[in-house]
Each structure stands twice: as C-alpha cells, then as structure tokens.
Amino acid sequence: MDAYFHLMIRPAVIKTYCPYCQHHTEHTIERVKKKKASELKWGQRRFRRVTAGYGGYPRPKPEGREKPTKRVFLRYRCKECGKAHQKKGIRAKRFEIKR
C-alpha cells in the first residue's frame, strides 16, 4: 500500500521538458477527461450486434470490487510554443491541481 498515494496535490504551473521546444519550459497542467466512445468503432458495433434481440449478456458479469486507486492522466501545455503532450498516467486516490 506504500506505492499508492491517498491525496496528490500538484501545482497548476510546473517547469518540465518540452519535446517540441526541446528544452525545459513552464507548462500548465490540466486533467484529461475521458471522451465519449464512438458508436462507429468495430468493438462497439460488435457489442451492439451481440446484445441486440433476445439472449444473454455476451460476457461474464464483472466480479469483485473496484480498484482502490484510479489512474490520473495529465496534459502538459507549454507556455512557449502552446503545444501539449502527455506523460504516463499516475495512480492516486484523490488528485488536486493547486491554482
């Protein structure tokens, strides 16, 4: 349980490496929100076809509980060039961006 953080507070502006400018600049941090999944994707079309009409659910019901921490994805936007990049997601129970 030591690897997980209960509360992570990050500043709204940090200085980090920009892959576009190729040097360290100030970046603003924003949390990435999950966008709505497309109904036209192959997996969703297959799911709709399988669940249509009579019959049961196509896969077993999820058993157990939710994970204790959720993965937080952050978007870093460079103040010099205005371009954004993402790093690997971090796990945290609660996450705040300090303004």
PDB file of N, CA and C in Angstrom:
ATOM      1  N   MET A   1       0.824  -1.203   0.000  1.00  0.00           N
ATOM      2  CA  MET A   1       0.000   0.000   0.000  1.00  0.00           C
ATOM      3  C   MET A   1       0.861   1.256   0.000  1.00  0.00           C
ATOM      4  N   ASP A   2       2.186   1.096   0.181  1.00  0.00           N
ATOM      5  CA  ASP A   2       3.072   2.256   0.205  1.00  0.00           C
ATOM      6  C   ASP A   2       3.180   2.920  -1.159  1.00  0.00           C
ATOM      7  N   ALA A   3       2.967   2.145  -2.232  1.00  0.00           N
ATOM      8  CA  ALA A   3       3.136   2.690  -3.575  1.00  0.00           C
ATOM      9  C   ALA A   3       2.002   3.623  -3.973  1.00  0.00           C
ATOM     10  N   TYR A   4       0.879   3.564  -3.288  1.00  0.00           N
ATOM     11  CA  TYR A   4      -0.276   4.386  -3.633  1.00  0.00           C
ATOM     12  C   TYR A   4      -0.306   5.645  -2.780  1.00  0.00           C
ATOM     13  N   PHE A   5      -0.808   6.736  -3.366  1.00  0.00           N
ATOM     14  CA  PHE A   5      -0.944   7.981  -2.635  1.00  0.00           C
ATOM     15  C   PHE A   5      -2.410   8.220  -2.358  1.00  0.00           C
ATOM     16  N   HIS A   6      -2.722   8.677  -1.124  1.00  0.00           N
ATOM     17  CA  HIS A   6      -4.115   8.969  -0.796  1.00  0.00           C
ATOM     18  C   HIS A   6      -4.546  10.297  -1.385  1.00  0.00           C
ATOM     19  N   LEU A   7      -3.688  11.299  -1.294  1.00  0.00           N
ATOM     20  CA  LEU A   7      -4.005  12.615  -1.843  1.00  0.00           C
ATOM     21  C   LEU A   7      -2.765  13.155  -2.523  1.00  0.00           C
ATOM     22  N   MET A   8      -2.912  13.508  -3.783  1.00  0.00           N
ATOM     23  CA  MET A   8      -1.790  14.087  -4.514  1.00  0.00           C
ATOM     24  C   MET A   8      -2.178  15.497  -4.946  1.00  0.00           C
ATOM     25  N   ILE A   9      -1.371  16.470  -4.555  1.00  0.00           N
ATOM     26  CA  ILE A   9      -1.607  17.862  -4.922  1.00  0.00           C
ATOM     27  C   ILE A   9      -0.471  18.295  -5.844  1.00  0.00           C
ATOM     28  N   ARG A  10      -0.812  18.765  -7.043  1.00  0.00           N
ATOM     29  CA  ARG A  10       0.183  19.236  -7.999  1.00  0.00           C
ATOM     30  C   ARG A  10      -0.058  20.715  -8.247  1.00  0.00           C
ATOM     31  N   PRO A  11       1.008  21.505  -8.440  1.00  0.00           N
ATOM     32  CA  PRO A  11       0.824  22.913  -8.786  1.00  0.00           C
ATOM     33  C   PRO A  11       0.281  23.044 -10.205  1.00  0.00           C
ATOM     34  N   ALA A  12      -0.403  24.139 -10.495  1.00  0.00           N
ATOM     35  CA  ALA A  12      -1.011  24.346 -11.811  1.00  0.00           C
ATOM     36  C   ALA A  12       0.035  24.631 -12.872  1.00  0.00           C
ATOM     37  N   VAL A  13       1.171  25.196 -12.476  1.00  0.00           N
ATOM     38  CA  VAL A  13       2.245  25.511 -13.428  1.00  0.00           C
ATOM     39  C   VAL A  13       3.537  24.879 -12.923  1.00  0.00           C
ATOM     40  N   ILE A  14       4.193  24.094 -13.794  1.00  0.00           N
ATOM     41  CA  ILE A  14       5.475  23.497 -13.429  1.00  0.00           C
ATOM     42  C   ILE A  14       6.464  23.712 -14.565  1.00  0.00           C
ATOM     43  N   LYS A  15       7.749  23.574 -14.256  1.00  0.00           N
ATOM     44  CA  LYS A  15       8.777  23.668 -15.273  1.00  0.00           C
ATOM     45  C   LYS A  15       9.221  22.245 -15.602  1.00  0.00           C
ATOM     46  N   THR A  16       9.037  21.838 -16.855  1.00  0.00           N
ATOM     47  CA  THR A  16       9.392  20.491 -17.278  1.00  0.00           C
ATOM     48  C   THR A  16       9.828  20.507 -18.727  1.00  0.00           C
ATOM     49  N   TYR A  17      10.306  19.365 -19.220  1.00  0.00           N
ATOM     50  CA  TYR A  17      10.849  19.265 -20.568  1.00  0.00           C
ATOM     51  C   TYR A  17       9.739  19.303 -21.613  1.00  0.00           C
ATOM     52  N   CYS A  18       9.936  20.133 -22.652  1.00  0.00           N
ATOM     53  CA  CYS A  18       9.004  20.205 -23.774  1.00  0.00           C
ATOM     54  C   CYS A  18       9.628  19.476 -24.964  1.00  0.00           C
ATOM     55  N   PRO A  19       8.984  18.401 -25.467  1.00  0.00           N
ATOM     56  CA  PRO A  19       9.568  17.675 -26.595  1.00  0.00           C
ATOM     57  C   PRO A  19       9.546  18.467 -27.901  1.00  0.00           C
ATOM     58  N   TYR A  20       8.747  19.523 -27.975  1.00  0.00           N
ATOM     59  CA  TYR A  20       8.664  20.326 -29.192  1.00  0.00           C
ATOM     60  C   TYR A  20       9.723  21.439 -29.187  1.00  0.00           C
ATOM     61  N   CYS A  21       9.853  22.140 -28.055  1.00  0.00           N
ATOM     62  CA  CYS A  21      10.897  23.175 -27.931  1.00  0.00           C
ATOM     63  C   CYS A  21      12.272  22.546 -27.705  1.00  0.00           C
ATOM     64  N   GLN A  22      12.295  21.347 -27.189  1.00  0.00           N
ATOM     65  CA  GLN A  22      13.496  20.577 -26.863  1.00  0.00           C
ATOM     66  C   GLN A  22      14.339  21.216 -25.763  1.00  0.00           C
ATOM     67  N   HIS A  23      13.659  21.882 -24.839  1.00  0.00           N
ATOM     68  CA  HIS A  23      14.315  22.302 -23.608  1.00  0.00           C
ATOM     69  C   HIS A  23      13.247  22.517 -22.533  1.00  0.00           C
ATOM     70  N   HIS A  24      13.685  22.766 -21.301  1.00  0.00           N
ATOM     71  CA  HIS A  24      12.751  22.906 -20.195  1.00  0.00           C
ATOM     72  C   HIS A  24      12.059  24.276 -20.244  1.00  0.00           C
ATOM     73  N   THR A  25      10.727  24.242 -20.164  1.00  0.00           N
ATOM     74  CA  THR A  25       9.931  25.473 -20.153  1.00  0.00           C
ATOM     75  C   THR A  25       8.815  25.308 -19.136  1.00  0.00           C
ATOM     76  N   GLU A  26       8.100  26.397 -18.885  1.00  0.00           N
ATOM     77  CA  GLU A  26       6.953  26.331 -17.980  1.00  0.00           C
ATOM     78  C   GLU A  26       5.768  25.699 -18.711  1.00  0.00           C
ATOM     79  N   HIS A  27       5.060  24.831 -18.007  1.00  0.00           N
ATOM     80  CA  HIS A  27       3.890  24.148 -18.556  1.00  0.00           C
ATOM     81  C   HIS A  27       2.713  24.325 -17.600  1.00  0.00           C
ATOM     82  N   THR A  28       1.519  24.473 -18.159  1.00  0.00           N
ATOM     83  CA  THR A  28       0.305  24.433 -17.341  1.00  0.00           C
ATOM     84  C   THR A  28      -0.205  22.999 -17.370  1.00  0.00           C
ATOM     85  N   ILE A  29      -0.775  22.570 -16.251  1.00  0.00           N
ATOM     86  CA  ILE A  29      -1.267  21.194 -16.122  1.00  0.00           C
ATOM     87  C   ILE A  29      -2.787  21.203 -16.170  1.00  0.00           C
ATOM     88  N   GLU A  30      -3.347  20.286 -16.946  1.00  0.00           N
ATOM     89  CA  GLU A  30      -4.796  20.100 -16.926  1.00  0.00           C
ATOM     90  C   GLU A  30      -5.076  18.612 -16.903  1.00  0.00           C
ATOM     91  N   ARG A  31      -6.152  18.242 -16.236  1.00  0.00           N
ATOM     92  CA  ARG A  31      -6.526  16.834 -16.142  1.00  0.00           C
ATOM     93  C   ARG A  31      -7.263  16.419 -17.407  1.00  0.00           C
ATOM     94  N   VAL A  32      -6.931  15.252 -17.943  1.00  0.00           N
ATOM     95  CA  VAL A  32      -7.552  14.763 -19.174  1.00  0.00           C
ATOM     96  C   VAL A  32      -8.859  14.076 -18.821  1.00  0.00           C
ATOM     97  N   LYS A  33      -9.936  14.512 -19.489  1.00  0.00           N
ATOM     98  CA  LYS A  33     -11.239  13.886 -19.274  1.00  0.00           C
ATOM     99  C   LYS A  33     -11.467  12.856 -20.363  1.00  0.00           C
ATOM    100  N   LYS A  34     -12.155  11.780 -20.007  1.00  0.00           N
ATOM    101  CA  LYS A  34     -12.433  10.726 -20.972  1.00  0.00           C
ATOM    102  C   LYS A  34     -13.521  11.192 -21.921  1.00  0.00           C
ATOM    103  N   LYS A  35     -13.258  11.064 -23.226  1.00  0.00           N
ATOM    104  CA  LYS A  35     -14.270  11.490 -24.195  1.00  0.00           C
ATOM    105  C   LYS A  35     -15.255  10.347 -24.445  1.00  0.00           C
ATOM    106  N   LYS A  36     -16.409  10.702 -25.022  1.00  0.00           N
ATOM    107  CA  LYS A  36     -17.445   9.709 -25.283  1.00  0.00           C
ATOM    108  C   LYS A  36     -16.958   8.746 -26.354  1.00  0.00           C
ATOM    109  N   ALA A  37     -17.160   7.449 -26.129  1.00  0.00           N
ATOM    110  CA  ALA A  37     -16.716   6.433 -27.081  1.00  0.00           C
ATOM    111  C   ALA A  37     -17.563   6.494 -28.341  1.00  0.00           C
ATOM    112  N   SER A  38     -16.934   6.284 -29.480  1.00  0.00           N
ATOM    113  CA  SER A  38     -17.633   6.347 -30.757  1.00  0.00           C
ATOM    114  C   SER A  38     -18.477   5.098 -30.974  1.00  0.00           C
ATOM    115  N   GLU A  39     -19.693   5.297 -31.452  1.00  0.00           N
ATOM    116  CA  GLU A  39     -20.586   4.169 -31.758  1.00  0.00           C
ATOM    117  C   GLU A  39     -20.163   3.478 -33.053  1.00  0.00           C
ATOM    118  N   LEU A  40     -19.290   4.095 -33.836  1.00  0.00           N
ATOM    119  CA  LEU A  40     -18.896   3.537 -35.127  1.00  0.00           C
ATOM    120  C   LEU A  40     -17.676   2.621 -35.045  1.00  0.00           C
ATOM    121  N   LYS A  41     -17.035   2.542 -33.872  1.00  0.00           N
ATOM    122  CA  LYS A  41     -15.871   1.679 -33.722  1.00  0.00           C
ATOM    123  C   LYS A  41     -16.285   0.213 -33.812  1.00  0.00           C
ATOM    124  N   TRP A  42     -15.358  -0.638 -34.285  1.00  0.00           N
ATOM    125  CA  TRP A  42     -15.672  -2.038 -34.543  1.00  0.00           C
ATOM    126  C   TRP A  42     -16.122  -2.768 -33.284  1.00  0.00           C
ATOM    127  N   GLY A  43     -15.456  -2.556 -32.161  1.00  0.00           N
ATOM    128  CA  GLY A  43     -15.825  -3.243 -30.928  1.00  0.00           C
ATOM    129  C   GLY A  43     -17.232  -2.880 -30.473  1.00  0.00           C
ATOM    130  N   GLN A  44     -17.601  -1.621 -30.630  1.00  0.00           N
ATOM    131  CA  GLN A  44     -18.935  -1.165 -30.216  1.00  0.00           C
ATOM    132  C   GLN A  44     -20.006  -1.705 -31.159  1.00  0.00           C
ATOM    133  N   ARG A  45     -19.696  -1.771 -32.455  1.00  0.00           N
ATOM    134  CA  ARG A  45     -20.650  -2.330 -33.413  1.00  0.00           C
ATOM    135  C   ARG A  45     -20.893  -3.813 -33.132  1.00  0.00           C
ATOM    136  N   ARG A  46     -19.817  -4.517 -32.809  1.00  0.00           N
ATOM    137  CA  ARG A  46     -19.944  -5.944 -32.477  1.00  0.00           C
ATOM    138  C   ARG A  46     -20.767  -6.118 -31.195  1.00  0.00           C
ATOM    139  N   PHE A  47     -20.497  -5.274 -30.188  1.00  0.00           N
ATOM    140  CA  PHE A  47     -21.227  -5.344 -28.919  1.00  0.00           C
ATOM    141  C   PHE A  47     -22.715  -5.108 -29.136  1.00  0.00           C
ATOM    142  N   ARG A  48     -23.061  -4.095 -29.943  1.00  0.00           N
ATOM    143  CA  ARG A  48     -24.474  -3.807 -30.223  1.00  0.00           C
ATOM    144  C   ARG A  48     -25.135  -4.968 -30.957  1.00  0.00           C
ATOM    145  N   ARG A  49     -24.410  -5.584 -31.896  1.00  0.00           N
ATOM    146  CA  ARG A  49     -24.964  -6.700 -32.649  1.00  0.00           C
ATOM    147  C   ARG A  49     -25.216  -7.903 -31.738  1.00  0.00           C
ATOM    148  N   VAL A  50     -24.276  -8.185 -30.818  1.00  0.00           N
ATOM    149  CA  VAL A  50     -24.390  -9.349 -29.941  1.00  0.00           C
ATOM    150  C   VAL A  50     -25.500  -9.148 -28.917  1.00  0.00           C
ATOM    151  N   THR A  51     -25.651  -7.920 -28.400  1.00  0.00           N
ATOM    152  CA  THR A  51     -26.654  -7.681 -27.358  1.00  0.00           C
ATOM    153  C   THR A  51     -28.040  -7.412 -27.933  1.00  0.00           C
ATOM    154  N   ALA A  52     -28.150  -7.228 -29.243  1.00  0.00           N
ATOM    155  CA  ALA A  52     -29.456  -6.944 -29.844  1.00  0.00           C
ATOM    156  C   ALA A  52     -30.345  -8.185 -29.782  1.00  0.00           C
ATOM    157  N   GLY A  53     -31.656  -7.977 -29.670  1.00  0.00           N
ATOM    158  CA  GLY A  53     -32.612  -9.089 -29.699  1.00  0.00           C
ATOM    159  C   GLY A  53     -32.627  -9.861 -28.396  1.00  0.00           C
ATOM    160  N   TYR A  54     -32.955 -11.134 -28.492  1.00  0.00           N
ATOM    161  CA  TYR A  54     -33.033 -12.000 -27.313  1.00  0.00           C
ATOM    162  C   TYR A  54     -31.680 -12.577 -26.986  1.00  0.00           C
ATOM    163  N   GLY A  55     -31.535 -13.065 -25.767  1.00  0.00           N
ATOM    164  CA  GLY A  55     -30.279 -13.695 -25.368  1.00  0.00           C
ATOM    165  C   GLY A  55     -29.634 -12.950 -24.228  1.00  0.00           C
ATOM    166  N   GLY A  56     -28.632 -13.566 -23.674  1.00  0.00           N
ATOM    167  CA  GLY A  56     -27.973 -13.003 -22.508  1.00  0.00           C
ATOM    168  C   GLY A  56     -26.880 -12.030 -22.868  1.00  0.00           C
ATOM    169  N   TYR A  57     -26.230 -11.568 -21.829  1.00  0.00           N
ATOM    170  CA  TYR A  57     -25.118 -10.638 -21.987  1.00  0.00           C
ATOM    171  C   TYR A  57     -23.936 -11.402 -22.581  1.00  0.00           C
ATOM    172  N   PRO A  58     -23.158 -10.820 -23.495  1.00  0.00           N
ATOM    173  CA  PRO A  58     -22.139 -11.588 -24.215  1.00  0.00           C
ATOM    174  C   PRO A  58     -20.903 -11.966 -23.410  1.00  0.00           C
ATOM    175  N   ARG A  59     -20.717 -11.394 -22.248  1.00  0.00           N
ATOM    176  CA  ARG A  59     -19.531 -11.739 -21.458  1.00  0.00           C
ATOM    177  C   ARG A  59     -19.915 -11.827 -19.983  1.00  0.00           C
ATOM    178  N   PRO A  60     -19.092 -12.504 -19.176  1.00  0.00           N
ATOM    179  CA  PRO A  60     -19.453 -12.656 -17.767  1.00  0.00           C
ATOM    180  C   PRO A  60     -19.519 -11.319 -17.031  1.00  0.00           C
ATOM    181  N   LYS A  61     -20.384 -11.243 -16.044  1.00  0.00           N
ATOM    182  CA  LYS A  61     -20.517 -10.023 -15.243  1.00  0.00           C
ATOM    183  C   LYS A  61     -19.224  -9.800 -14.456  1.00  0.00           C
ATOM    184  N   PRO A  62     -18.776  -8.535 -14.323  1.00  0.00           N
ATOM    185  CA  PRO A  62     -17.541  -8.290 -13.574  1.00  0.00           C
ATOM    186  C   PRO A  62     -17.736  -8.615 -12.094  1.00  0.00           C
ATOM    187  N   GLU A  63     -16.820  -9.391 -11.558  1.00  0.00           N
ATOM    188  CA  GLU A  63     -16.916  -9.783 -10.151  1.00  0.00           C
ATOM    189  C   GLU A  63     -15.828  -9.073  -9.359  1.00  0.00           C
ATOM    190  N   GLY A  64     -16.017  -8.994  -8.057  1.00  0.00           N
ATOM    191  CA  GLY A  64     -15.033  -8.346  -7.201  1.00  0.00           C
ATOM    192  C   GLY A  64     -15.385  -6.884  -6.996  1.00  0.00           C
ATOM    193  N   ARG A  65     -14.384  -6.097  -6.623  1.00  0.00           N
ATOM    194  CA  ARG A  65     -14.629  -4.687  -6.323  1.00  0.00           C
ATOM    195  C   ARG A  65     -13.782  -3.819  -7.230  1.00  0.00           C
ATOM    196  N   GLU A  66     -14.016  -2.506  -7.141  1.00  0.00           N
ATOM    197  CA  GLU A  66     -13.218  -1.565  -7.923  1.00  0.00           C
ATOM    198  C   GLU A  66     -11.820  -1.459  -7.330  1.00  0.00           C
ATOM    199  N   LYS A  67     -10.905  -1.012  -8.140  1.00  0.00           N
ATOM    200  CA  LYS A  67      -9.539  -0.811  -7.642  1.00  0.00           C
ATOM    201  C   LYS A  67      -9.530   0.347  -6.644  1.00  0.00           C
ATOM    202  N   PRO A  68      -8.616   0.319  -5.661  1.00  0.00           N
ATOM    203  CA  PRO A  68      -8.595   1.375  -4.649  1.00  0.00           C
ATOM    204  C   PRO A  68      -8.142   2.723  -5.189  1.00  0.00           C
ATOM    205  N   THR A  69      -7.403   2.719  -6.287  1.00  0.00           N
ATOM    206  CA  THR A  69      -6.935   3.978  -6.870  1.00  0.00           C
ATOM    207  C   THR A  69      -7.296   4.016  -8.346  1.00  0.00           C
ATOM    208  N   LYS A  70      -7.496   5.215  -8.837  1.00  0.00           N
ATOM    209  CA  LYS A  70      -7.776   5.409 -10.256  1.00  0.00           C
ATOM    210  C   LYS A  70      -6.529   6.015 -10.903  1.00  0.00           C
ATOM    211  N   ARG A  71      -6.351   5.755 -12.197  1.00  0.00           N
ATOM    212  CA  ARG A  71      -5.215   6.330 -12.908  1.00  0.00           C
ATOM    213  C   ARG A  71      -5.574   7.739 -13.368  1.00  0.00           C
ATOM    214  N   VAL A  72      -4.692   8.685 -13.083  1.00  0.00           N
ATOM    215  CA  VAL A  72      -4.912  10.091 -13.432  1.00  0.00           C
ATOM    216  C   VAL A  72      -3.998  10.434 -14.606  1.00  0.00           C
ATOM    217  N   PHE A  73      -4.602  10.954 -15.676  1.00  0.00           N
ATOM    218  CA  PHE A  73      -3.832  11.366 -16.840  1.00  0.00           C
ATOM    219  C   PHE A  73      -3.780  12.890 -16.874  1.00  0.00           C
ATOM    220  N   LEU A  74      -2.593  13.440 -17.120  1.00  0.00           N
ATOM    221  CA  LEU A  74      -2.401  14.885 -17.132  1.00  0.00           C
ATOM    222  C   LEU A  74      -1.922  15.332 -18.500  1.00  0.00           C
ATOM    223  N   ARG A  75      -2.391  16.504 -18.925  1.00  0.00           N
ATOM    224  CA  ARG A  75      -1.928  17.109 -20.169  1.00  0.00           C
ATOM    225  C   ARG A  75      -1.064  18.311 -19.794  1.00  0.00           C
ATOM    226  N   TYR A  76       0.152  18.326 -20.300  1.00  0.00           N
ATOM    227  CA  TYR A  76       1.091  19.410 -20.034  1.00  0.00           C
ATOM    228  C   TYR A  76       1.125  20.311 -21.256  1.00  0.00           C
ATOM    229  N   ARG A  77       0.736  21.598 -21.107  1.00  0.00           N
ATOM    230  CA  ARG A  77       0.718  22.532 -22.227  1.00  0.00           C
ATOM    231  C   ARG A  77       1.838  23.554 -22.041  1.00  0.00           C
ATOM    232  N   CYS A  78       2.729  23.611 -23.026  1.00  0.00           N
ATOM    233  CA  CYS A  78       3.894  24.504 -22.980  1.00  0.00           C
ATOM    234  C   CYS A  78       3.446  25.949 -23.142  1.00  0.00           C
ATOM    235  N   LYS A  79       4.016  26.839 -22.324  1.00  0.00           N
ATOM    236  CA  LYS A  79       3.665  28.259 -22.416  1.00  0.00           C
ATOM    237  C   LYS A  79       4.419  28.947 -23.551  1.00  0.00           C
ATOM    238  N   GLU A  80       5.535  28.354 -24.004  1.00  0.00           N
ATOM    239  CA  GLU A  80       6.330  28.956 -25.086  1.00  0.00           C
ATOM    240  C   GLU A  80       5.689  28.684 -26.451  1.00  0.00           C
ATOM    241  N   CYS A  81       5.488  27.393 -26.771  1.00  0.00           N
ATOM    242  CA  CYS A  81       5.000  27.039 -28.112  1.00  0.00           C
ATOM    243  C   CYS A  81       3.505  26.754 -28.133  1.00  0.00           C
ATOM    244  N   GLY A  82       2.882  26.548 -26.975  1.00  0.00           N
ATOM    245  CA  GLY A  82       1.437  26.302 -26.918  1.00  0.00           C
ATOM    246  C   GLY A  82       1.033  24.870 -27.208  1.00  0.00           C
ATOM    247  N   LYS A  83       2.012  23.987 -27.483  1.00  0.00           N
ATOM    248  CA  LYS A  83       1.689  22.596 -27.775  1.00  0.00           C
ATOM    249  C   LYS A  83       1.593  21.801 -26.488  1.00  0.00           C
ATOM    250  N   ALA A  84       0.790  20.728 -26.536  1.00  0.00           N
ATOM    251  CA  ALA A  84       0.556  19.914 -25.352  1.00  0.00           C
ATOM    252  C   ALA A  84       1.110  18.515 -25.566  1.00  0.00           C
ATOM    253  N   HIS A  85       1.538  17.891 -24.470  1.00  0.00           N
ATOM    254  CA  HIS A  85       1.946  16.491 -24.514  1.00  0.00           C
ATOM    255  C   HIS A  85       1.479  15.815 -23.234  1.00  0.00           C
ATOM    256  N   GLN A  86       1.449  14.484 -23.280  1.00  0.00           N
ATOM    257  CA  GLN A  86       1.011  13.703 -22.138  1.00  0.00           C
ATOM    258  C   GLN A  86       2.129  12.792 -21.690  1.00  0.00           C
ATOM    259  N   LYS A  87       2.161  12.505 -20.386  1.00  0.00           N
ATOM    260  CA  LYS A  87       3.104  11.536 -19.845  1.00  0.00           C
ATOM    261  C   LYS A  87       2.314  10.330 -19.365  1.00  0.00           C
ATOM    262  N   LYS A  88       3.011   9.344 -18.841  1.00  0.00           N
ATOM    263  CA  LYS A  88       2.370   8.136 -18.358  1.00  0.00           C
ATOM    264  C   LYS A  88       1.448   8.481 -17.192  1.00  0.00           C
ATOM    265  N   GLY A  89       0.298   7.802 -17.086  1.00  0.00           N
ATOM    266  CA  GLY A  89      -0.669   8.075 -16.029  1.00  0.00           C
ATOM    267  C   GLY A  89      -0.133   7.682 -14.662  1.00  0.00           C
ATOM    268  N   ILE A  90      -0.561   8.400 -13.626  1.00  0.00           N
ATOM    269  CA  ILE A  90      -0.162   8.086 -12.251  1.00  0.00           C
ATOM    270  C   ILE A  90      -1.396   7.660 -11.472  1.00  0.00           C
ATOM    271  N   ARG A  91      -1.192   6.803 -10.484  1.00  0.00           N
ATOM    272  CA  ARG A  91      -2.313   6.319  -9.687  1.00  0.00           C
ATOM    273  C   ARG A  91      -2.439   7.143  -8.410  1.00  0.00           C
ATOM    274  N   ALA A  92      -3.656   7.571  -8.111  1.00  0.00           N
ATOM    275  CA  ALA A  92      -3.906   8.330  -6.886  1.00  0.00           C
ATOM    276  C   ALA A  92      -5.361   8.162  -6.494  1.00  0.00           C
ATOM    277  N   LYS A  93      -5.612   8.105  -5.180  1.00  0.00           N
ATOM    278  CA  LYS A  93      -6.989   8.020  -4.696  1.00  0.00           C
ATOM    279  C   LYS A  93      -7.703   9.338  -4.938  1.00  0.00           C
ATOM    280  N   ARG A  94      -7.050  10.422  -4.526  1.00  0.00           N
ATOM    281  CA  ARG A  94      -7.610  11.766  -4.752  1.00  0.00           C
ATOM    282  C   ARG A  94      -6.522  12.608  -5.391  1.00  0.00           C
ATOM    283  N   PHE A  95      -6.943  13.453  -6.315  1.00  0.00           N
ATOM    284  CA  PHE A  95      -5.974  14.273  -7.043  1.00  0.00           C
ATOM    285  C   PHE A  95      -6.491  15.696  -7.132  1.00  0.00           C
ATOM    286  N   GLU A  96      -5.602  16.665  -6.864  1.00  0.00           N
ATOM    287  CA  GLU A  96      -5.973  18.078  -6.929  1.00  0.00           C
ATOM    288  C   GLU A  96      -4.894  18.844  -7.684  1.00  0.00           C
ATOM    289  N   ILE A  97      -5.331  19.862  -8.417  1.00  0.00           N
ATOM    290  CA  ILE A  97      -4.402  20.803  -9.034  1.00  0.00           C
ATOM    291  C   ILE A  97      -4.533  22.108  -8.264  1.00  0.00           C
ATOM    292  N   LYS A  98      -3.430  22.506  -7.627  1.00  0.00           N
ATOM    293  CA  LYS A  98      -3.454  23.707  -6.793  1.00  0.00           C
ATOM    294  C   LYS A  98      -3.314  24.940  -7.679  1.00  0.00           C
ATOM    295  N   ARG A  99      -4.323  25.781  -7.679  1.00  0.00           N
ATOM    296  CA  ARG A  99      -4.318  27.003  -8.513  1.00  0.00           C
ATOM    297  C   ARG A  99      -3.613  28.133  -7.818  1.00  0.00           C
TER     298      ARG A  99
END
